[in-house]
C-alpha atoms as a PDB file:
ATOM      1  CA  MET A   1       3.738 -10.092 -10.333  1.00  0.00           C
ATOM      2  CA  MET A   2       4.476  -6.638  -8.880  1.00  0.00           C
ATOM      3  CA  GLU A   3       0.729  -6.148  -8.614  1.00  0.00           C
ATOM      4  CA  LYS A   4       0.154  -8.846  -6.523  1.00  0.00           C
ATOM      5  CA  MET A   5       3.202  -8.170  -4.313  1.00  0.00           C
ATOM      6  CA  PHE A   6       2.214  -4.734  -3.993  1.00  0.00           C
ATOM      7  CA  CYS A   7      -1.242  -6.136  -2.762  1.00  0.00           C
ATOM      8  CA  ILE A   8       0.345  -8.379  -0.386  1.00  0.00           C
ATOM      9  CA  ARG A   9       2.874  -6.127   1.021  1.00  0.00           C
ATOM     10  CA  LEU A  10       0.587  -3.081   1.556  1.00  0.00           C
ATOM     11  CA  LYS A  11      -1.757  -5.542   3.511  1.00  0.00           C
ATOM     12  CA  GLU A  12       1.320  -6.794   5.692  1.00  0.00           C
ATOM     13  CA  LEU A  13       2.565  -3.437   6.476  1.00  0.00           C
ATOM     14  CA  ARG A  14      -0.827  -2.266   7.292  1.00  0.00           C
ATOM     15  CA  ASN A  15      -1.519  -5.102   9.778  1.00  0.00           C
ATOM     16  CA  GLU A  16       2.106  -4.478  11.037  1.00  0.00           C
ATOM     17  CA  LYS A  17       1.013  -1.135  12.197  1.00  0.00           C
ATOM     18  CA  GLU A  18      -2.385  -2.596  13.517  1.00  0.00           C
ATOM     19  CA  LEU A  19      -4.011  -0.091  10.967  1.00  0.00           C
ATOM     20  CA  THR A  20      -7.550  -0.625   9.453  1.00  0.00           C
ATOM     21  CA  GLN A  21      -8.257   0.108   5.589  1.00  0.00           C
ATOM     22  CA  THR A  22      -9.976   2.943   6.803  1.00  0.00           C
ATOM     23  CA  ASP A  23      -6.907   4.663   8.777  1.00  0.00           C
ATOM     24  CA  VAL A  24      -4.943   4.473   5.750  1.00  0.00           C
ATOM     25  CA  ALA A  25      -7.867   5.929   3.554  1.00  0.00           C
ATOM     26  CA  LYS A  26      -7.972   8.801   5.990  1.00  0.00           C
ATOM     27  CA  VAL A  27      -3.789   9.416   5.690  1.00  0.00           C
ATOM     28  CA  MET A  28      -4.279   8.883   2.135  1.00  0.00           C
ATOM     29  CA  ASN A  29      -7.277  10.740   1.561  1.00  0.00           C
ATOM     30  CA  VAL A  30      -9.292   8.246  -0.141  1.00  0.00           C
ATOM     31  CA  ASN A  31     -11.919   6.233   0.253  1.00  0.00           C
ATOM     32  CA  HIS A  32     -12.011   3.122   2.159  1.00  0.00           C
ATOM     33  CA  SER A  33     -12.938   0.798  -0.917  1.00  0.00           C
ATOM     34  CA  THR A  34     -10.076   2.529  -2.691  1.00  0.00           C
ATOM     35  CA  VAL A  35      -7.606   0.841  -0.393  1.00  0.00           C
ATOM     36  CA  CYS A  36      -9.351  -2.318  -0.211  1.00  0.00           C
ATOM     37  CA  TYR A  37      -9.350  -2.633  -4.115  1.00  0.00           C
ATOM     38  CA  TRP A  38      -5.382  -1.878  -3.627  1.00  0.00           C
ATOM     39  CA  GLU A  39      -5.539  -4.492  -1.209  1.00  0.00           C
ATOM     40  CA  ARG A  40      -7.346  -6.804  -3.554  1.00  0.00           C
ATOM     41  CA  GLY A  41      -5.719  -6.406  -6.628  1.00  0.00           C
ATOM     42  CA  LYS A  42      -8.797  -4.878  -8.642  1.00  0.00           C
ATOM     43  CA  SER A  43      -6.591  -1.273  -8.600  1.00  0.00           C
ATOM     44  CA  SER A  44      -3.390   0.188  -8.529  1.00  0.00           C
ATOM     45  CA  PRO A  45      -2.322   3.814  -7.213  1.00  0.00           C
ATOM     46  CA  ASP A  46      -1.170   6.427  -8.823  1.00  0.00           C
ATOM     47  CA  ILE A  47       2.871   6.949  -8.862  1.00  0.00           C
ATOM     48  CA  TYR A  48       1.923   9.919  -6.442  1.00  0.00           C
ATOM     49  CA  GLU A  49       0.119   7.657  -4.165  1.00  0.00           C
ATOM     50  CA  LEU A  50       2.485   4.790  -4.094  1.00  0.00           C
ATOM     51  CA  ILE A  51       5.553   7.511  -3.272  1.00  0.00           C
ATOM     52  CA  ARG A  52       2.791   9.046  -0.296  1.00  0.00           C
ATOM     53  CA  LEU A  53       2.411   5.042   1.015  1.00  0.00           C
ATOM     54  CA  ALA A  54       6.073   4.186   0.562  1.00  0.00           C
ATOM     55  CA  ASP A  55       6.481   7.365   3.047  1.00  0.00           C
ATOM     56  CA  PHE A  56       3.910   6.674   5.555  1.00  0.00           C
ATOM     57  CA  PHE A  57       4.936   3.226   6.015  1.00  0.00           C
ATOM     58  CA  GLY A  58       8.830   4.293   5.764  1.00  0.00           C
ATOM     59  CA  VAL A  59       9.708   1.563   3.007  1.00  0.00           C
ATOM     60  CA  THR A  60      11.007   2.416  -0.373  1.00  0.00           C
ATOM     61  CA  THR A  61       8.522   2.040  -3.503  1.00  0.00           C
ATOM     62  CA  ASP A  62      10.402  -0.748  -4.774  1.00  0.00           C
ATOM     63  CA  TYR A  63       9.921  -2.721  -1.640  1.00  0.00           C
ATOM     64  CA  LEU A  64       6.109  -1.889  -1.698  1.00  0.00           C
ATOM     65  CA  LEU A  65       5.865  -3.347  -5.448  1.00  0.00           C
ATOM     66  CA  GLY A  66       8.336  -6.284  -4.583  1.00  0.00           C
ATOM     67  CA  ARG A  67      11.355  -5.465  -6.844  1.00  0.00           C
ATOM     68  CA  THR A  68      13.419  -5.418  -3.920  1.00  0.00           C
ATOM     69  CA  ASP A  69      13.047  -7.512  -0.179  1.00  0.00           C
ATOM     70  CA  PHE A  70      14.985  -4.517   1.955  1.00  0.00           C
ATOM     71  CA  TYR A  71      12.975  -1.831   3.508  1.00  0.00           C
END
């Protein structure tokens, strides 16, 4: 369940900021395909990438993982 929520929340946050997957990939210093895989649930970021994503989007890791609905 957390993997599915992560995929949904990552895509929602990216779209809210009007960013492409390539934009996020550049910020995260990963390939575009990595972000695509994260959003499709084919892979997951490691703990350090998860923290960087949360910091970038201004949310908590718990929010990204679907453990809370509060940013």
